[in-house]
Amino acid sequence: MLFFRGETRYSMRSVLVLMACLLTALACQKADPAPPPRYEVDATLEPYVRRFLDEARKRGQTVNATNLVVKFDTLAVAEVCGECRLAAGEPPTVRLNPKGFCWKTAGEEAREGLVFHELGHCLLKRLHKNTRLPNGLYASLMNADDTGVYAICAYPLGADECDKRPRRPYYLDELFDEKTPVPGWGR
């Protein structure tokens, strides 16, 4: 079969050979190389990232943090203390609000809880988990409302204990293993 175009004749075989060459050339092109890993962690936040990785190791988890950005930044909503951004072609990025109760006036345990919560999103790919323990307390550090689940409060409110530091082992176990059983204090 011949195809005519003006004075030029093309055979079906010529067209197929041309198409095969084009497809081969396109298939052999190299994809854009992945960007090199980028590790940029604010010096103030570095100890928290190291502690997170240590806690993962203690629980038999290997967490890759070679491609990670953790920084203080102004967030769109002032009441939001942190966010994790996961975007194609970009390193996982944790942005933390340095102001007020989010960081400036927060205690050590609350700061750790905030960083660990955001790293839970960015490095462990955990979503929010707002379920409650039988006693009504949050079952996970990954809850959407309170990253101070094992922090010390400024003064007691309601019936809850003010010094929640003994709860830390459970909340970290649950962070790295969602099947962690309910602790005695949570019943």
C-alpha atoms as a PDB file:
ATOM      1  CA  MET A   1       0.000   0.000   0.000  1.00  0.00           C
ATOM      2  CA  LEU A   2       1.293   3.441  -0.850  1.00  0.00           C
ATOM      3  CA  PHE A   3       0.451   6.794   0.665  1.00  0.00           C
ATOM      4  CA  PHE A   4       0.600   9.829  -1.564  1.00  0.00           C
ATOM      5  CA  ARG A   5       1.269  13.332  -0.520  1.00  0.00           C
ATOM      6  CA  GLY A   6       1.808  15.639  -3.375  1.00  0.00           C
ATOM      7  CA  GLU A   7       4.623  14.061  -5.405  1.00  0.00           C
ATOM      8  CA  THR A   8       6.081  12.053  -2.485  1.00  0.00           C
ATOM      9  CA  ARG A   9       5.186   8.402  -2.032  1.00  0.00           C
ATOM     10  CA  TYR A  10       5.472   6.598   1.278  1.00  0.00           C
ATOM     11  CA  SER A  11       5.180   2.854   1.706  1.00  0.00           C
ATOM     12  CA  MET A  12       3.588   1.378   4.805  1.00  0.00           C
ATOM     13  CA  ARG A  13       6.938  -0.267   5.573  1.00  0.00           C
ATOM     14  CA  SER A  14       8.755   3.104   5.545  1.00  0.00           C
ATOM     15  CA  VAL A  15       6.178   4.626   7.858  1.00  0.00           C
ATOM     16  CA  LEU A  16       6.448   1.696  10.295  1.00  0.00           C
ATOM     17  CA  VAL A  17      10.260   1.816  10.288  1.00  0.00           C
ATOM     18  CA  LEU A  18      10.167   5.555  10.956  1.00  0.00           C
ATOM     19  CA  MET A  19       7.696   5.083  13.836  1.00  0.00           C
ATOM     20  CA  ALA A  20       9.807   2.276  15.325  1.00  0.00           C
ATOM     21  CA  CYS A  21      12.904   4.494  15.227  1.00  0.00           C
ATOM     22  CA  LEU A  22      11.079   7.363  16.903  1.00  0.00           C
ATOM     23  CA  LEU A  23       9.669   5.128  19.647  1.00  0.00           C
ATOM     24  CA  THR A  24      13.091   3.581  20.271  1.00  0.00           C
ATOM     25  CA  ALA A  25      14.710   6.999  20.507  1.00  0.00           C
ATOM     26  CA  LEU A  26      12.068   8.244  22.934  1.00  0.00           C
ATOM     27  CA  ALA A  27      12.222   5.084  25.060  1.00  0.00           C
ATOM     28  CA  CYS A  28      15.999   5.325  25.388  1.00  0.00           C
ATOM     29  CA  GLN A  29      15.990   8.878  26.696  1.00  0.00           C
ATOM     30  CA  LYS A  30      17.086   9.095  30.293  1.00  0.00           C
ATOM     31  CA  ALA A  31      14.558  10.376  32.785  1.00  0.00           C
ATOM     32  CA  ASP A  32      15.455  13.506  34.691  1.00  0.00           C
ATOM     33  CA  PRO A  33      17.768  12.434  37.500  1.00  0.00           C
ATOM     34  CA  ALA A  34      16.403  12.634  41.007  1.00  0.00           C
ATOM     35  CA  PRO A  35      17.684  15.659  42.879  1.00  0.00           C
ATOM     36  CA  PRO A  36      20.431  14.849  45.376  1.00  0.00           C
ATOM     37  CA  PRO A  37      19.335  14.367  48.990  1.00  0.00           C
ATOM     38  CA  ARG A  38      19.123  17.577  50.987  1.00  0.00           C
ATOM     39  CA  TYR A  39      19.519  17.668  54.760  1.00  0.00           C
ATOM     40  CA  GLU A  40      18.817  21.088  56.261  1.00  0.00           C
ATOM     41  CA  VAL A  41      17.879  21.086  59.914  1.00  0.00           C
ATOM     42  CA  ASP A  42      17.931  24.237  62.047  1.00  0.00           C
ATOM     43  CA  ALA A  43      20.626  23.901  64.730  1.00  0.00           C
ATOM     44  CA  THR A  44      18.048  24.411  67.495  1.00  0.00           C
ATOM     45  CA  LEU A  45      15.962  21.545  66.100  1.00  0.00           C
ATOM     46  CA  GLU A  46      18.811  19.121  65.365  1.00  0.00           C
ATOM     47  CA  PRO A  47      18.814  17.546  68.870  1.00  0.00           C
ATOM     48  CA  TYR A  48      15.107  16.715  68.483  1.00  0.00           C
ATOM     49  CA  VAL A  49      15.657  15.083  65.094  1.00  0.00           C
ATOM     50  CA  ARG A  50      18.594  13.054  66.516  1.00  0.00           C
ATOM     51  CA  ARG A  51      16.453  12.031  69.512  1.00  0.00           C
ATOM     52  CA  PHE A  52      13.617  10.970  67.175  1.00  0.00           C
ATOM     53  CA  LEU A  53      16.027   8.770  65.197  1.00  0.00           C
ATOM     54  CA  ASP A  54      17.457   7.325  68.441  1.00  0.00           C
ATOM     55  CA  GLU A  55      13.961   6.495  69.702  1.00  0.00           C
ATOM     56  CA  ALA A  56      13.203   4.776  66.385  1.00  0.00           C
ATOM     57  CA  ARG A  57      16.401   2.683  66.682  1.00  0.00           C
ATOM     58  CA  LYS A  58      15.529   1.697  70.266  1.00  0.00           C
ATOM     59  CA  ARG A  59      12.320   0.235  68.869  1.00  0.00           C
ATOM     60  CA  GLY A  60      13.994  -1.610  65.988  1.00  0.00           C
ATOM     61  CA  GLN A  61      12.962   0.921  63.341  1.00  0.00           C
ATOM     62  CA  THR A  62      15.267   2.249  60.650  1.00  0.00           C
ATOM     63  CA  VAL A  63      14.185   5.738  59.617  1.00  0.00           C
ATOM     64  CA  ASN A  64      15.898   7.430  56.692  1.00  0.00           C
ATOM     65  CA  ALA A  65      16.391  11.137  57.369  1.00  0.00           C
ATOM     66  CA  THR A  66      19.085  11.898  54.781  1.00  0.00           C
ATOM     67  CA  ASN A  67      16.594  13.912  52.734  1.00  0.00           C
ATOM     68  CA  LEU A  68      14.886  16.224  55.232  1.00  0.00           C
ATOM     69  CA  VAL A  69      14.288  19.898  55.941  1.00  0.00           C
ATOM     70  CA  VAL A  70      13.248  21.038  59.444  1.00  0.00           C
ATOM     71  CA  LYS A  71      12.992  24.762  60.098  1.00  0.00           C
ATOM     72  CA  PHE A  72      11.207  27.539  61.924  1.00  0.00           C
ATOM     73  CA  ASP A  73       8.867  29.472  59.679  1.00  0.00           C
ATOM     74  CA  THR A  74       5.790  31.654  59.743  1.00  0.00           C
ATOM     75  CA  LEU A  75       2.745  29.521  59.022  1.00  0.00           C
ATOM     76  CA  ALA A  76      -0.387  30.719  57.268  1.00  0.00           C
ATOM     77  CA  VAL A  77      -2.523  30.215  60.378  1.00  0.00           C
ATOM     78  CA  ALA A  78      -0.988  31.640  63.564  1.00  0.00           C
ATOM     79  CA  GLU A  79      -2.603  28.987  65.804  1.00  0.00           C
ATOM     80  CA  VAL A  80      -1.015  26.151  63.816  1.00  0.00           C
ATOM     81  CA  CYS A  81       2.209  25.075  65.502  1.00  0.00           C
ATOM     82  CA  GLY A  82       3.664  22.882  62.792  1.00  0.00           C
ATOM     83  CA  GLU A  83       3.167  21.254  59.448  1.00  0.00           C
ATOM     84  CA  CYS A  84       4.745  18.589  57.308  1.00  0.00           C
ATOM     85  CA  ARG A  85       4.966  19.164  53.576  1.00  0.00           C
ATOM     86  CA  LEU A  86       5.380  16.172  51.289  1.00  0.00           C
ATOM     87  CA  ALA A  87       5.776  17.209  47.637  1.00  0.00           C
ATOM     88  CA  ALA A  88       7.091  15.271  44.659  1.00  0.00           C
ATOM     89  CA  GLY A  89      10.713  16.095  43.897  1.00  0.00           C
ATOM     90  CA  GLU A  90      11.185  17.904  47.225  1.00  0.00           C
ATOM     91  CA  PRO A  91      12.541  16.639  50.542  1.00  0.00           C
ATOM     92  CA  PRO A  92      10.015  16.115  53.333  1.00  0.00           C
ATOM     93  CA  THR A  93       9.784  19.522  55.026  1.00  0.00           C
ATOM     94  CA  VAL A  94       8.760  20.256  58.612  1.00  0.00           C
ATOM     95  CA  ARG A  95       7.894  23.897  59.322  1.00  0.00           C
ATOM     96  CA  LEU A  96       7.437  24.976  62.933  1.00  0.00           C
ATOM     97  CA  ASN A  97       5.888  28.148  64.314  1.00  0.00           C
ATOM     98  CA  PRO A  98       8.518  29.701  66.635  1.00  0.00           C
ATOM     99  CA  LYS A  99       6.091  32.040  68.366  1.00  0.00           C
ATOM    100  CA  GLY A 100       4.088  31.956  71.572  1.00  0.00           C
ATOM    101  CA  PHE A 101       2.771  28.727  73.015  1.00  0.00           C
ATOM    102  CA  CYS A 102       3.925  26.741  69.968  1.00  0.00           C
ATOM    103  CA  TRP A 103       7.627  27.063  70.778  1.00  0.00           C
ATOM    104  CA  LYS A 104       8.719  30.211  72.584  1.00  0.00           C
ATOM    105  CA  THR A 105       6.901  29.522  75.848  1.00  0.00           C
ATOM    106  CA  ALA A 106       6.537  25.740  75.455  1.00  0.00           C
ATOM    107  CA  GLY A 107       8.346  23.371  77.797  1.00  0.00           C
ATOM    108  CA  GLU A 108      10.916  20.809  76.678  1.00  0.00           C
ATOM    109  CA  GLU A 109       8.469  17.882  76.489  1.00  0.00           C
ATOM    110  CA  ALA A 110       5.915  19.930  74.523  1.00  0.00           C
ATOM    111  CA  ARG A 111       8.614  20.987  72.045  1.00  0.00           C
ATOM    112  CA  GLU A 112       9.755  17.408  71.634  1.00  0.00           C
ATOM    113  CA  GLY A 113       6.156  16.288  71.166  1.00  0.00           C
ATOM    114  CA  LEU A 114       5.607  18.883  68.432  1.00  0.00           C
ATOM    115  CA  VAL A 115       8.773  17.933  66.519  1.00  0.00           C
ATOM    116  CA  PHE A 116       8.100  14.202  66.912  1.00  0.00           C
ATOM    117  CA  HIS A 117       4.491  14.668  65.752  1.00  0.00           C
ATOM    118  CA  GLU A 118       5.587  16.444  62.558  1.00  0.00           C
ATOM    119  CA  LEU A 119       8.394  13.942  61.933  1.00  0.00           C
ATOM    120  CA  GLY A 120       5.750  11.240  62.376  1.00  0.00           C
ATOM    121  CA  HIS A 121       3.939  12.738  59.395  1.00  0.00           C
ATOM    122  CA  CYS A 122       7.041  13.406  57.277  1.00  0.00           C
ATOM    123  CA  LEU A 123       9.225  10.372  57.993  1.00  0.00           C
ATOM    124  CA  LEU A 124       6.803   7.695  59.203  1.00  0.00           C
ATOM    125  CA  LYS A 125       3.947   8.769  56.884  1.00  0.00           C
ATOM    126  CA  ARG A 126       1.554   8.710  59.847  1.00  0.00           C
ATOM    127  CA  LEU A 127      -1.797  10.466  59.607  1.00  0.00           C
ATOM    128  CA  HIS A 128      -3.686  12.072  62.471  1.00  0.00           C
ATOM    129  CA  LYS A 129      -5.170   9.573  64.902  1.00  0.00           C
ATOM    130  CA  ASN A 130      -7.771  11.100  67.188  1.00  0.00           C
ATOM    131  CA  THR A 131      -8.951   7.927  68.913  1.00  0.00           C
ATOM    132  CA  ARG A 132      -9.086   7.881  72.697  1.00  0.00           C
ATOM    133  CA  LEU A 133      -7.912   5.478  75.352  1.00  0.00           C
ATOM    134  CA  PRO A 134     -10.602   3.965  77.633  1.00  0.00           C
ATOM    135  CA  ASN A 135      -9.925   6.716  80.213  1.00  0.00           C
ATOM    136  CA  GLY A 136     -10.634   9.425  77.600  1.00  0.00           C
ATOM    137  CA  LEU A 137      -7.043  10.566  76.942  1.00  0.00           C
ATOM    138  CA  TYR A 138      -5.671  10.630  73.417  1.00  0.00           C
ATOM    139  CA  ALA A 139      -4.329   7.263  72.276  1.00  0.00           C
ATOM    140  CA  SER A 140      -1.597   8.785  70.116  1.00  0.00           C
ATOM    141  CA  LEU A 141       0.889  11.621  69.864  1.00  0.00           C
ATOM    142  CA  MET A 142      -0.429  11.813  66.285  1.00  0.00           C
ATOM    143  CA  ASN A 143      -3.709  13.358  67.432  1.00  0.00           C
ATOM    144  CA  ALA A 144      -4.625  16.625  65.714  1.00  0.00           C
ATOM    145  CA  ASP A 145      -5.140  18.702  68.860  1.00  0.00           C
ATOM    146  CA  ASP A 146      -2.526  18.145  71.569  1.00  0.00           C
ATOM    147  CA  THR A 147       1.154  17.307  71.085  1.00  0.00           C
ATOM    148  CA  GLY A 148       1.764  17.853  74.798  1.00  0.00           C
ATOM    149  CA  VAL A 149       0.373  14.441  75.776  1.00  0.00           C
ATOM    150  CA  TYR A 150       3.475  13.696  77.881  1.00  0.00           C
ATOM    151  CA  ALA A 151       4.394  17.259  78.875  1.00  0.00           C
ATOM    152  CA  ILE A 152       4.345  19.068  82.182  1.00  0.00           C
ATOM    153  CA  CYS A 153       1.511  21.554  82.550  1.00  0.00           C
ATOM    154  CA  ALA A 154       1.892  25.003  84.082  1.00  0.00           C
ATOM    155  CA  TYR A 155      -0.920  24.307  86.532  1.00  0.00           C
ATOM    156  CA  PRO A 156      -3.436  21.451  86.873  1.00  0.00           C
ATOM    157  CA  LEU A 157      -6.742  21.678  85.047  1.00  0.00           C
ATOM    158  CA  GLY A 158      -9.567  19.270  85.704  1.00  0.00           C
ATOM    159  CA  ALA A 159      -8.885  15.756  86.934  1.00  0.00           C
ATOM    160  CA  ASP A 160      -5.842  15.052  84.716  1.00  0.00           C
ATOM    161  CA  GLU A 161      -2.384  14.812  86.241  1.00  0.00           C
ATOM    162  CA  CYS A 162      -0.094  17.771  85.724  1.00  0.00           C
ATOM    163  CA  ASP A 163       3.156  15.834  85.269  1.00  0.00           C
ATOM    164  CA  LYS A 164       2.555  13.583  82.269  1.00  0.00           C
ATOM    165  CA  ARG A 165       6.214  12.618  81.691  1.00  0.00           C
ATOM    166  CA  PRO A 166       5.665   8.994  82.821  1.00  0.00           C
ATOM    167  CA  ARG A 167       3.386   8.610  79.767  1.00  0.00           C
ATOM    168  CA  ARG A 168       6.249   9.304  77.326  1.00  0.00           C
ATOM    169  CA  PRO A 169       7.347   5.650  76.796  1.00  0.00           C
ATOM    170  CA  TYR A 170       3.817   4.624  75.777  1.00  0.00           C
ATOM    171  CA  TYR A 171       3.337   7.549  73.380  1.00  0.00           C
ATOM    172  CA  LEU A 172       6.713   6.940  71.725  1.00  0.00           C
ATOM    173  CA  ASP A 173       6.045   3.192  71.468  1.00  0.00           C
ATOM    174  CA  GLU A 174       2.707   3.997  69.811  1.00  0.00           C
ATOM    175  CA  LEU A 175       4.329   6.545  67.481  1.00  0.00           C
ATOM    176  CA  PHE A 176       6.545   3.828  66.013  1.00  0.00           C
ATOM    177  CA  ASP A 177       4.016   0.967  66.380  1.00  0.00           C
ATOM    178  CA  GLU A 178       0.302   1.721  66.138  1.00  0.00           C
ATOM    179  CA  LYS A 179      -0.506  -1.707  67.623  1.00  0.00           C
ATOM    180  CA  THR A 180       0.989  -0.787  71.014  1.00  0.00           C
ATOM    181  CA  PRO A 181      -1.347  -2.087  73.752  1.00  0.00           C
ATOM    182  CA  VAL A 182      -3.217   0.273  76.067  1.00  0.00           C
ATOM    183  CA  PRO A 183      -1.079   1.149  79.111  1.00  0.00           C
ATOM    184  CA  GLY A 184      -2.317   0.634  82.669  1.00  0.00           C
ATOM    185  CA  TRP A 185      -2.785   4.381  83.232  1.00  0.00           C
ATOM    186  CA  GLY A 186      -4.955   4.572  80.105  1.00  0.00           C
ATOM    187  CA  ARG A 187      -7.677   2.208  81.295  1.00  0.00           C
END
